[in-house]
Amino acid sequence: MLILLFILLSLSFISLFVGTLMAPFSVNVQTLKESGYSSRISIMHIPELFLKKWYAPNKLYVRKMIILGLTGCMVGFSLLYVLSKLGVV
């Protein structure tokens, strides 16, 4: 059970990390010009990181990687917390 939880957490963290690294290269240039920000790194602001309009249409998989990675990490750490409260871990 703990091995599966570790695998879930590691895959989720890797997905979140890689997606976050790829996000500045997936910016929709039109949205960037309309926003008034000066660089691609502005996608790293929390709201822009999750908004669909900030990603180029062919790069929406990066957004999915970030969302799935964050959700997996939250579920994994919540399970780890509950299991530690129950005395399993």
C-alpha atoms as a PDB file:
ATOM      1  CA  MET A   1       0.000   0.000   0.000  1.00  0.00           C
ATOM      2  CA  LEU A   2       2.745   2.431   0.918  1.00  0.00           C
ATOM      3  CA  ILE A   3       4.686   1.578  -2.209  1.00  0.00           C
ATOM      4  CA  LEU A   4       1.666   2.450  -4.362  1.00  0.00           C
ATOM      5  CA  LEU A   5       1.254   5.697  -2.449  1.00  0.00           C
ATOM      6  CA  PHE A   6       4.924   6.507  -2.986  1.00  0.00           C
ATOM      7  CA  ILE A   7       4.563   5.781  -6.712  1.00  0.00           C
ATOM      8  CA  LEU A   8       1.467   8.040  -6.892  1.00  0.00           C
ATOM      9  CA  LEU A   9       3.265  10.851  -5.123  1.00  0.00           C
ATOM     10  CA  SER A  10       6.408  10.556  -7.216  1.00  0.00           C
ATOM     11  CA  LEU A  11       4.519  10.483 -10.534  1.00  0.00           C
ATOM     12  CA  SER A  12       2.352  13.405  -9.453  1.00  0.00           C
ATOM     13  CA  PHE A  13       5.329  15.452  -8.343  1.00  0.00           C
ATOM     14  CA  ILE A  14       7.226  14.729 -11.552  1.00  0.00           C
ATOM     15  CA  SER A  15       4.182  15.737 -13.618  1.00  0.00           C
ATOM     16  CA  LEU A  16       3.759  18.953 -11.631  1.00  0.00           C
ATOM     17  CA  PHE A  17       7.464  19.802 -11.826  1.00  0.00           C
ATOM     18  CA  VAL A  18       7.849  19.123 -15.553  1.00  0.00           C
ATOM     19  CA  GLY A  19       4.601  20.929 -16.358  1.00  0.00           C
ATOM     20  CA  THR A  20       5.713  23.966 -14.393  1.00  0.00           C
ATOM     21  CA  LEU A  21       9.050  23.999 -16.198  1.00  0.00           C
ATOM     22  CA  MET A  22       7.307  23.774 -19.581  1.00  0.00           C
ATOM     23  CA  ALA A  23       4.692  26.453 -18.816  1.00  0.00           C
ATOM     24  CA  PRO A  24       6.735  29.529 -19.884  1.00  0.00           C
ATOM     25  CA  PHE A  25       7.330  27.919 -23.287  1.00  0.00           C
ATOM     26  CA  SER A  26       3.611  27.185 -23.763  1.00  0.00           C
ATOM     27  CA  VAL A  27       2.305  30.735 -23.442  1.00  0.00           C
ATOM     28  CA  ASN A  28      -0.284  31.998 -25.898  1.00  0.00           C
ATOM     29  CA  VAL A  29       1.456  35.038 -27.407  1.00  0.00           C
ATOM     30  CA  GLN A  30      -1.827  36.829 -28.149  1.00  0.00           C
ATOM     31  CA  THR A  31      -2.938  36.618 -24.501  1.00  0.00           C
ATOM     32  CA  LEU A  32       0.502  37.771 -23.369  1.00  0.00           C
ATOM     33  CA  LYS A  33       0.273  40.886 -25.556  1.00  0.00           C
ATOM     34  CA  GLU A  34      -3.249  41.688 -24.366  1.00  0.00           C
ATOM     35  CA  SER A  35      -2.353  41.295 -20.696  1.00  0.00           C
ATOM     36  CA  GLY A  36       0.338  43.948 -20.618  1.00  0.00           C
ATOM     37  CA  TYR A  37       2.946  41.655 -19.051  1.00  0.00           C
ATOM     38  CA  SER A  38       6.390  41.915 -20.545  1.00  0.00           C
ATOM     39  CA  SER A  39       7.707  38.359 -20.385  1.00  0.00           C
ATOM     40  CA  ARG A  40       6.605  34.741 -20.635  1.00  0.00           C
ATOM     41  CA  ILE A  41       7.549  34.091 -17.031  1.00  0.00           C
ATOM     42  CA  SER A  42       4.370  35.939 -15.988  1.00  0.00           C
ATOM     43  CA  ILE A  43       2.490  32.652 -16.519  1.00  0.00           C
ATOM     44  CA  MET A  44       4.045  31.543 -13.237  1.00  0.00           C
ATOM     45  CA  HIS A  45       1.544  33.714 -11.337  1.00  0.00           C
ATOM     46  CA  ILE A  46      -0.924  31.368  -9.684  1.00  0.00           C
ATOM     47  CA  PRO A  47      -4.106  32.427 -11.565  1.00  0.00           C
ATOM     48  CA  GLU A  48      -2.418  32.432 -14.968  1.00  0.00           C
ATOM     49  CA  LEU A  49      -0.908  29.008 -14.349  1.00  0.00           C
ATOM     50  CA  PHE A  50      -4.370  27.408 -14.341  1.00  0.00           C
ATOM     51  CA  LEU A  51      -6.264  29.543 -16.883  1.00  0.00           C
ATOM     52  CA  LYS A  52      -6.833  27.869 -20.231  1.00  0.00           C
ATOM     53  CA  LYS A  53      -6.547  31.091 -22.250  1.00  0.00           C
ATOM     54  CA  TRP A  54      -2.890  31.533 -21.236  1.00  0.00           C
ATOM     55  CA  TYR A  55      -1.782  28.398 -23.073  1.00  0.00           C
ATOM     56  CA  ALA A  56      -1.363  27.990 -26.798  1.00  0.00           C
ATOM     57  CA  PRO A  57      -4.092  25.705 -28.191  1.00  0.00           C
ATOM     58  CA  ASN A  58      -1.615  22.977 -29.097  1.00  0.00           C
ATOM     59  CA  LYS A  59       0.069  23.168 -25.662  1.00  0.00           C
ATOM     60  CA  LEU A  60      -2.951  22.556 -23.414  1.00  0.00           C
ATOM     61  CA  TYR A  61      -1.395  19.265 -22.290  1.00  0.00           C
ATOM     62  CA  VAL A  62       0.995  21.324 -20.142  1.00  0.00           C
ATOM     63  CA  ARG A  63      -1.961  22.748 -18.214  1.00  0.00           C
ATOM     64  CA  LYS A  64      -3.362  19.239 -17.758  1.00  0.00           C
ATOM     65  CA  MET A  65       0.012  18.038 -16.464  1.00  0.00           C
ATOM     66  CA  ILE A  66       0.059  20.814 -13.868  1.00  0.00           C
ATOM     67  CA  ILE A  67      -3.516  20.219 -12.730  1.00  0.00           C
ATOM     68  CA  LEU A  68      -3.161  16.424 -12.563  1.00  0.00           C
ATOM     69  CA  GLY A  69       0.178  16.727 -10.770  1.00  0.00           C
ATOM     70  CA  LEU A  70      -1.200  19.128  -8.192  1.00  0.00           C
ATOM     71  CA  THR A  71      -4.326  17.023  -7.652  1.00  0.00           C
ATOM     72  CA  GLY A  72      -2.259  13.846  -7.303  1.00  0.00           C
ATOM     73  CA  CYS A  73       0.062  15.476  -4.772  1.00  0.00           C
ATOM     74  CA  MET A  74      -2.879  16.744  -2.738  1.00  0.00           C
ATOM     75  CA  VAL A  75      -4.574  13.326  -2.742  1.00  0.00           C
ATOM     76  CA  GLY A  76      -1.329  11.507  -1.962  1.00  0.00           C
ATOM     77  CA  PHE A  77      -0.345  13.729   0.940  1.00  0.00           C
ATOM     78  CA  SER A  78      -3.914  13.644   2.282  1.00  0.00           C
ATOM     79  CA  LEU A  79      -3.848   9.842   2.210  1.00  0.00           C
ATOM     80  CA  LEU A  80      -0.476   9.871   3.915  1.00  0.00           C
ATOM     81  CA  TYR A  81      -1.849  12.152   6.625  1.00  0.00           C
ATOM     82  CA  VAL A  82      -4.944   9.995   7.195  1.00  0.00           C
ATOM     83  CA  LEU A  83      -2.862   6.822   7.301  1.00  0.00           C
ATOM     84  CA  SER A  84      -0.520   8.381   9.849  1.00  0.00           C
ATOM     85  CA  LYS A  85      -3.484   9.398  12.022  1.00  0.00           C
ATOM     86  CA  LEU A  86      -4.792   5.840  11.879  1.00  0.00           C
ATOM     87  CA  GLY A  87      -1.377   4.496  12.871  1.00  0.00           C
ATOM     88  CA  VAL A  88      -0.764   2.572   9.650  1.00  0.00           C
ATOM     89  CA  VAL A  89       2.357   4.518   8.720  1.00  0.00           C
END
